[in-house]
Amino acid sequence: MQLATSPLWQNLLLEDPWPVGLVLFILAGVLGFVGMQQGSGRLKKIAGAAALGAVIVFLLAGLITTTRERIIEQTRTLVGHTAPLDLAAFKAMVSPQVTVLVGEGSSDPLFTGDQVFARLERALGNYPIQNQSILAIDASLRGDDFALCQFDVRSDAVRGRVTTRWLLTWKKQTDGAWQVITVQWLDSPGLIGLKADSQWLR
């Protein structure tokens, strides 16, 4: 599933400032060198402005956390609560009415509410995960109050290793906090023949 990207200005100035910042620093260096060689005060001023612009870009990126970045970081934290399982911390980030879906395009919940937490606790009790590593992650906003976050996670357990792809739907609460309202298992990349199937989660 392809998620919508951030606006270009937001991505270049706040989320990934390195390309713009480096270009400005290089421009400042080149113009500063030429300005000194030619004795041009105008070029030196432009070089100084470019260097200042680069500093401002990096400062803004460091000071401002976009909603998309926040969702990605919270998703990483949520996944971290499963290895080892910290059920209390996990539940604090998930809606009590959370639903679990299986397969892309699915709309029929497999589990809801307390069933989700009970199944999770039982599954990780029987097959404890030693480590979870997020291999790829992306997020996209859906208006002001909803966000999607898709990620591939590699799970290392005593019985082996598996990579699965998930999609979380986050909803903004009245207090400004975000909670997961839907967990959707999309796929198992790299495993031929193993697709998202409700039988694996029952």
Protein backbone atom coordinates (compact mmCIF):
# COMPACT_ATOMS: atom_id res chain seq x y z
CA MET A 1 0.00 0.00 0.00
CA GLN A 2 1.42 3.37 -1.06
CA LEU A 3 0.95 6.16 1.46
CA ALA A 4 0.66 9.81 0.46
CA THR A 5 3.84 11.81 0.97
CA SER A 6 4.26 15.00 3.00
CA PRO A 7 4.06 18.39 1.24
CA LEU A 8 7.37 19.07 -0.49
CA TRP A 9 8.19 22.14 1.62
CA GLN A 10 7.55 20.22 4.85
CA ASN A 11 9.71 17.32 3.77
CA LEU A 12 12.63 19.48 2.60
CA LEU A 13 12.60 22.02 5.43
CA LEU A 14 11.44 20.05 8.48
CA GLU A 15 11.69 16.29 7.95
CA ASP A 16 14.73 15.88 5.68
CA PRO A 17 16.64 19.19 5.70
CA TRP A 18 20.00 17.76 4.61
CA PRO A 19 19.66 18.32 0.84
CA VAL A 20 18.60 21.97 1.21
CA GLY A 21 21.03 22.64 4.04
CA LEU A 22 24.00 21.14 2.22
CA VAL A 23 23.21 22.99 -1.00
CA LEU A 24 23.07 26.27 0.92
CA PHE A 25 26.36 25.52 2.72
CA ILE A 26 28.09 24.61 -0.56
CA LEU A 27 26.68 27.72 -2.20
CA ALA A 28 27.92 29.82 0.72
CA GLY A 29 31.40 28.29 0.43
CA VAL A 30 31.66 28.80 -3.32
CA LEU A 31 30.34 32.36 -3.25
CA GLY A 32 32.48 33.22 -0.25
CA PHE A 33 35.62 31.93 -1.98
CA VAL A 34 34.83 33.75 -5.23
CA GLY A 35 33.93 36.87 -3.31
CA MET A 36 37.29 36.90 -1.52
CA GLN A 37 39.16 36.21 -4.75
CA GLN A 38 37.40 39.05 -6.54
CA GLY A 39 37.11 41.34 -3.56
CA SER A 40 33.34 41.44 -4.05
CA GLY A 41 31.45 42.58 -0.98
CA ARG A 42 28.16 41.69 -2.67
CA LEU A 43 29.14 38.05 -3.17
CA LYS A 44 30.37 37.87 0.43
CA LYS A 45 27.00 39.12 1.66
CA ILE A 46 25.14 36.58 -0.48
CA ALA A 47 27.44 33.83 0.87
CA GLY A 48 26.71 34.94 4.42
CA ALA A 49 22.97 34.90 3.73
CA ALA A 50 23.21 31.39 2.26
CA ALA A 51 25.14 30.16 5.30
CA LEU A 52 22.59 31.76 7.62
CA GLY A 53 19.78 30.15 5.64
CA ALA A 54 21.39 26.73 6.06
CA VAL A 55 21.70 27.24 9.81
CA ILE A 56 18.05 28.31 10.03
CA VAL A 57 16.92 25.26 8.05
CA PHE A 58 18.73 22.86 10.41
CA LEU A 59 17.51 24.74 13.50
CA LEU A 60 13.88 24.60 12.35
CA ALA A 61 14.16 20.89 11.59
CA GLY A 62 15.59 20.25 15.05
CA LEU A 63 13.07 22.40 16.90
CA ILE A 64 9.87 21.43 15.07
CA THR A 65 8.47 17.90 15.12
CA THR A 66 5.83 17.40 12.44
CA THR A 67 2.76 15.29 13.10
CA ARG A 68 4.05 12.73 10.60
CA GLU A 69 7.34 12.44 12.50
CA ARG A 70 5.43 12.11 15.76
CA ILE A 71 3.30 9.27 14.39
CA ILE A 72 6.38 7.43 13.14
CA GLU A 73 8.12 7.81 16.51
CA GLN A 74 5.04 6.65 18.42
CA THR A 75 4.75 3.63 16.14
CA ARG A 76 8.36 2.72 16.91
CA THR A 77 7.61 3.06 20.62
CA LEU A 78 4.48 0.91 20.33
CA VAL A 79 6.36 -1.86 18.54
CA GLY A 80 9.07 -1.66 21.19
CA HIS A 81 6.47 -2.42 23.86
CA THR A 82 5.99 -5.90 22.35
CA ALA A 83 9.57 -7.15 22.79
CA PRO A 84 9.43 -7.88 25.62
CA LEU A 85 5.70 -7.33 26.07
CA ASP A 86 4.79 -4.40 28.29
CA LEU A 87 1.02 -4.73 28.11
CA ALA A 88 0.25 -1.71 30.29
CA ALA A 89 2.40 0.59 28.15
CA PHE A 90 1.00 -0.96 24.98
CA LYS A 91 -2.62 -0.46 26.09
CA ALA A 92 -1.91 3.17 26.98
CA MET A 93 -1.23 3.87 23.30
CA VAL A 94 -4.13 1.87 21.89
CA SER A 95 -7.84 2.61 21.95
CA PRO A 96 -9.96 0.30 24.17
CA GLN A 97 -12.15 -0.22 21.08
CA VAL A 98 -9.24 -1.13 18.79
CA THR A 99 -9.95 -3.52 15.93
CA VAL A 100 -7.66 -5.99 14.14
CA LEU A 101 -8.00 -6.55 10.39
CA VAL A 102 -6.20 -9.07 8.19
CA GLY A 103 -5.36 -8.51 4.55
CA GLU A 104 -5.18 -5.35 2.46
CA GLY A 105 -8.61 -3.92 1.78
CA SER A 106 -10.22 -5.89 4.60
CA SER A 107 -13.03 -4.24 6.56
CA ASP A 108 -14.22 -7.18 8.65
CA PRO A 109 -12.63 -7.06 12.14
CA LEU A 110 -11.05 -10.28 13.36
CA PHE A 111 -10.78 -9.11 16.98
CA THR A 112 -11.98 -6.03 18.82
CA GLY A 113 -11.39 -4.37 22.17
CA ASP A 114 -10.28 -6.61 25.03
CA GLN A 115 -10.01 -9.57 22.65
CA VAL A 116 -7.04 -7.86 20.99
CA PHE A 117 -5.11 -7.45 24.23
CA ALA A 118 -5.94 -10.98 25.43
CA ARG A 119 -4.81 -12.51 22.11
CA LEU A 120 -1.64 -10.45 22.10
CA GLU A 121 -0.74 -11.45 25.64
CA ARG A 122 -1.42 -15.11 24.95
CA ALA A 123 0.47 -15.15 21.63
CA LEU A 124 3.57 -13.45 23.02
CA GLY A 125 3.38 -15.61 26.10
CA ASN A 126 3.48 -18.78 24.00
CA TYR A 127 5.91 -17.42 21.42
CA PRO A 128 7.94 -14.67 23.10
CA ILE A 129 9.71 -12.27 20.77
CA GLN A 130 13.27 -11.49 21.71
CA ASN A 131 13.69 -8.51 19.42
CA GLN A 132 11.71 -6.38 16.99
CA SER A 133 13.45 -4.37 14.27
CA ILE A 134 11.55 -1.96 12.04
CA LEU A 135 13.03 -2.28 8.55
CA ALA A 136 10.89 0.31 6.76
CA ILE A 137 8.31 2.81 7.97
CA ASP A 138 6.21 5.61 6.52
CA ALA A 139 3.26 7.68 7.67
CA SER A 140 0.58 9.80 6.06
CA LEU A 141 -2.00 12.19 7.51
CA ARG A 142 -5.70 11.89 6.78
CA GLY A 143 -7.02 15.30 7.74
CA ASP A 144 -6.32 16.77 11.17
CA ASP A 145 -7.42 13.84 13.31
CA PHE A 146 -6.34 10.65 11.55
CA ALA A 147 -3.02 9.22 10.40
CA LEU A 148 -1.84 5.99 8.78
CA CYS A 149 1.49 4.36 9.52
CA GLN A 150 2.76 1.40 7.50
CA PHE A 151 5.85 -0.52 8.52
CA ASP A 152 7.79 -3.73 7.96
CA VAL A 153 9.02 -5.34 11.16
CA ARG A 154 11.45 -8.22 11.61
CA SER A 155 10.59 -10.32 14.64
CA ASP A 156 13.25 -12.56 16.19
CA ALA A 157 11.93 -15.39 18.35
CA VAL A 158 13.35 -18.63 19.70
CA ARG A 159 11.69 -20.57 16.87
CA GLY A 160 12.95 -18.35 14.08
CA ARG A 161 12.66 -15.00 12.33
CA VAL A 162 9.81 -13.56 10.32
CA THR A 163 9.16 -10.22 8.61
CA THR A 164 5.60 -8.88 8.51
CA ARG A 165 3.99 -5.72 7.15
CA TRP A 166 1.42 -3.80 9.18
CA LEU A 167 -0.77 -0.73 8.84
CA LEU A 168 -1.86 1.25 11.89
CA THR A 169 -4.62 3.84 11.94
CA TRP A 170 -4.02 6.52 14.55
CA LYS A 171 -6.70 8.91 15.82
CA LYS A 172 -6.12 12.18 17.62
CA GLN A 173 -7.92 12.38 20.97
CA THR A 174 -9.54 15.44 22.52
CA ASP A 175 -6.52 15.95 24.78
CA GLY A 176 -4.18 16.02 21.79
CA ALA A 177 -2.78 12.51 22.32
CA TRP A 178 -2.85 9.93 19.53
CA GLN A 179 -4.16 6.38 19.90
CA VAL A 180 -4.24 3.39 17.56
CA ILE A 181 -7.79 2.51 16.55
CA THR A 182 -7.03 -0.12 13.88
CA VAL A 183 -4.25 -2.68 13.47
CA GLN A 184 -4.07 -4.31 10.04
CA TRP A 185 -1.76 -7.14 9.02
CA LEU A 186 -1.04 -6.59 5.33
CA ASP A 187 1.59 -9.10 4.26
CA SER A 188 4.70 -11.14 5.06
CA PRO A 189 7.37 -9.80 2.65
CA GLY A 190 9.97 -12.28 1.53
CA LEU A 191 8.07 -15.40 2.61
CA ILE A 192 6.73 -17.19 -0.44
CA GLY A 193 3.32 -18.67 0.20
CA LEU A 194 2.79 -16.96 3.56
CA LYS A 195 0.17 -14.28 3.16
CA ALA A 196 -1.87 -12.37 5.68
CA ASP A 197 -4.51 -14.85 6.81
CA SER A 198 -6.84 -14.71 9.81
CA GLN A 199 -6.03 -18.34 10.65
CA TRP A 200 -2.53 -17.34 11.70
CA LEU A 201 -3.91 -15.01 14.38
CA ARG A 202 -6.68 -17.15 15.80
